[in-house]
Amino acid sequence: MIPHPGTDSKSPTALPNGPGAAALLAAGIGAFLLAALAVAADHLPAISRLMIFYRPTGPLSGVTSSAILVWLAVWAVLDARWKRRTVALRTIAVTALALLALGLVLTFPPLGDLF
């Protein structure tokens, strides 16, 4: 264990892993949301129209902007809640990697078109 600043080296204190876990989970959520919104905007005309923030780029502008805003918001909320906590990092890492994998699968056109 890494000693916490301000403590002697004989009594190590584990640093909280909450902020790192918050960043990891937020990234997984953001990656999945980016893919989910892209698929939705491709297949649902109402979502496609809703996602047009900048006409020359079409719905992609809203898809990416929305995913980034949600990613940052989730990160901020989780970081605030987990700032001084030690959380189940393995569970969070597996969840984040699963969301990332689902996001990658959804961006593969033959699979994304199934939805």
Protein backbone atom coordinates (compact mmCIF):
# COMPACT_ATOMS: atom_id res chain seq x y z
CA MET A 1 0.00 0.00 0.00
CA ILE A 2 1.02 3.54 -0.64
CA PRO A 3 1.29 5.66 2.49
CA HIS A 4 -1.09 8.58 2.59
CA PRO A 5 0.69 11.95 2.62
CA GLY A 6 1.16 13.17 6.14
CA THR A 7 1.38 9.73 7.74
CA ASP A 8 4.45 7.89 8.83
CA SER A 9 5.68 5.01 6.70
CA LYS A 10 4.92 2.47 9.42
CA SER A 11 1.15 2.88 9.17
CA PRO A 12 0.25 2.80 5.48
CA THR A 13 -3.22 3.98 4.54
CA ALA A 14 -4.85 2.91 1.30
CA LEU A 15 -5.74 5.77 -0.98
CA PRO A 16 -9.38 5.82 -2.09
CA ASN A 17 -9.92 4.45 -5.59
CA GLY A 18 -13.28 6.17 -6.09
CA PRO A 19 -12.08 8.98 -8.37
CA GLY A 20 -10.31 6.55 -10.70
CA ALA A 21 -13.28 4.20 -10.71
CA ALA A 22 -15.56 7.15 -11.51
CA ALA A 23 -13.45 8.05 -14.54
CA LEU A 24 -13.37 4.45 -15.74
CA LEU A 25 -17.11 3.87 -15.45
CA ALA A 26 -17.95 7.24 -16.98
CA ALA A 27 -15.76 6.40 -19.99
CA GLY A 28 -17.59 3.10 -20.50
CA ILE A 29 -20.97 4.81 -20.26
CA GLY A 30 -19.86 7.53 -22.67
CA ALA A 31 -18.55 5.03 -25.23
CA PHE A 32 -21.75 2.99 -25.10
CA LEU A 33 -23.95 6.08 -25.31
CA LEU A 34 -22.03 7.36 -28.35
CA ALA A 35 -22.69 4.12 -30.21
CA ALA A 36 -26.31 3.84 -29.03
CA LEU A 37 -27.10 7.40 -30.10
CA ALA A 38 -25.39 6.87 -33.47
CA VAL A 39 -27.49 3.76 -34.15
CA ALA A 40 -30.66 5.52 -32.98
CA ALA A 41 -29.96 8.57 -35.15
CA ASP A 42 -29.35 6.32 -38.17
CA HIS A 43 -32.59 4.38 -37.79
CA LEU A 44 -35.09 6.74 -36.18
CA PRO A 45 -35.94 9.92 -38.13
CA ALA A 46 -37.19 11.73 -35.01
CA ILE A 47 -33.89 11.11 -33.17
CA SER A 48 -31.97 12.04 -36.30
CA ARG A 49 -33.72 15.42 -36.50
CA LEU A 50 -33.25 15.97 -32.77
CA MET A 51 -29.50 15.33 -33.03
CA ILE A 52 -28.80 17.96 -35.69
CA PHE A 53 -26.95 20.66 -33.76
CA TYR A 54 -24.90 21.85 -36.73
CA ARG A 55 -26.54 21.34 -40.12
CA PRO A 56 -23.39 20.73 -42.25
CA THR A 57 -22.44 17.67 -40.17
CA GLY A 58 -25.99 16.42 -39.67
CA PRO A 59 -26.94 14.23 -36.71
CA LEU A 60 -23.32 13.39 -35.94
CA SER A 61 -22.90 16.81 -34.31
CA GLY A 62 -25.64 16.09 -31.78
CA VAL A 63 -24.64 12.48 -31.24
CA THR A 64 -21.07 13.33 -30.32
CA SER A 65 -21.94 16.47 -28.36
CA SER A 66 -24.62 14.67 -26.34
CA ALA A 67 -22.36 11.71 -25.59
CA ILE A 68 -19.57 14.02 -24.44
CA LEU A 69 -21.90 16.03 -22.21
CA VAL A 70 -23.33 12.89 -20.60
CA TRP A 71 -19.83 11.42 -20.15
CA LEU A 72 -18.64 14.57 -18.37
CA ALA A 73 -21.80 14.81 -16.24
CA VAL A 74 -21.60 11.16 -15.17
CA TRP A 75 -17.92 11.55 -14.38
CA ALA A 76 -18.56 14.67 -12.28
CA VAL A 77 -21.43 13.08 -10.33
CA LEU A 78 -19.60 9.81 -9.67
CA ASP A 79 -16.40 11.61 -8.74
CA ALA A 80 -18.27 13.78 -6.25
CA ARG A 81 -19.97 10.75 -4.70
CA TRP A 82 -16.89 8.49 -4.65
CA LYS A 83 -14.17 11.06 -3.93
CA ARG A 84 -13.15 9.63 -0.57
CA ARG A 85 -14.42 6.07 -0.99
CA THR A 86 -12.86 2.80 -1.90
CA VAL A 87 -15.19 1.00 -4.30
CA ALA A 88 -15.28 -2.46 -5.91
CA LEU A 89 -12.86 -1.62 -8.69
CA ARG A 90 -12.99 -5.06 -10.32
CA THR A 91 -16.77 -4.89 -10.75
CA ILE A 92 -16.59 -1.35 -12.08
CA ALA A 93 -13.77 -2.23 -14.49
CA VAL A 94 -15.67 -5.25 -15.84
CA THR A 95 -18.80 -3.14 -16.28
CA ALA A 96 -16.87 -0.36 -18.01
CA LEU A 97 -15.14 -2.80 -20.36
CA ALA A 98 -18.46 -4.51 -21.15
CA LEU A 99 -20.01 -1.13 -22.02
CA LEU A 100 -17.00 -0.28 -24.18
CA ALA A 101 -17.26 -3.64 -25.97
CA LEU A 102 -21.00 -3.13 -26.57
CA GLY A 103 -20.26 0.32 -27.92
CA LEU A 104 -17.67 -1.08 -30.32
CA VAL A 105 -20.06 -3.82 -31.45
CA LEU A 106 -22.81 -1.28 -32.12
CA THR A 107 -20.51 0.81 -34.30
CA PHE A 108 -19.87 -2.19 -36.58
CA PRO A 109 -22.49 -1.53 -39.32
CA PRO A 110 -23.76 -5.08 -39.93
CA LEU A 111 -24.42 -5.52 -36.22
CA GLY A 112 -25.66 -2.00 -35.57
CA ASP A 113 -28.14 -2.35 -38.43
CA LEU A 114 -29.76 -5.33 -36.68
CA PHE A 115 -31.24 -2.93 -34.15
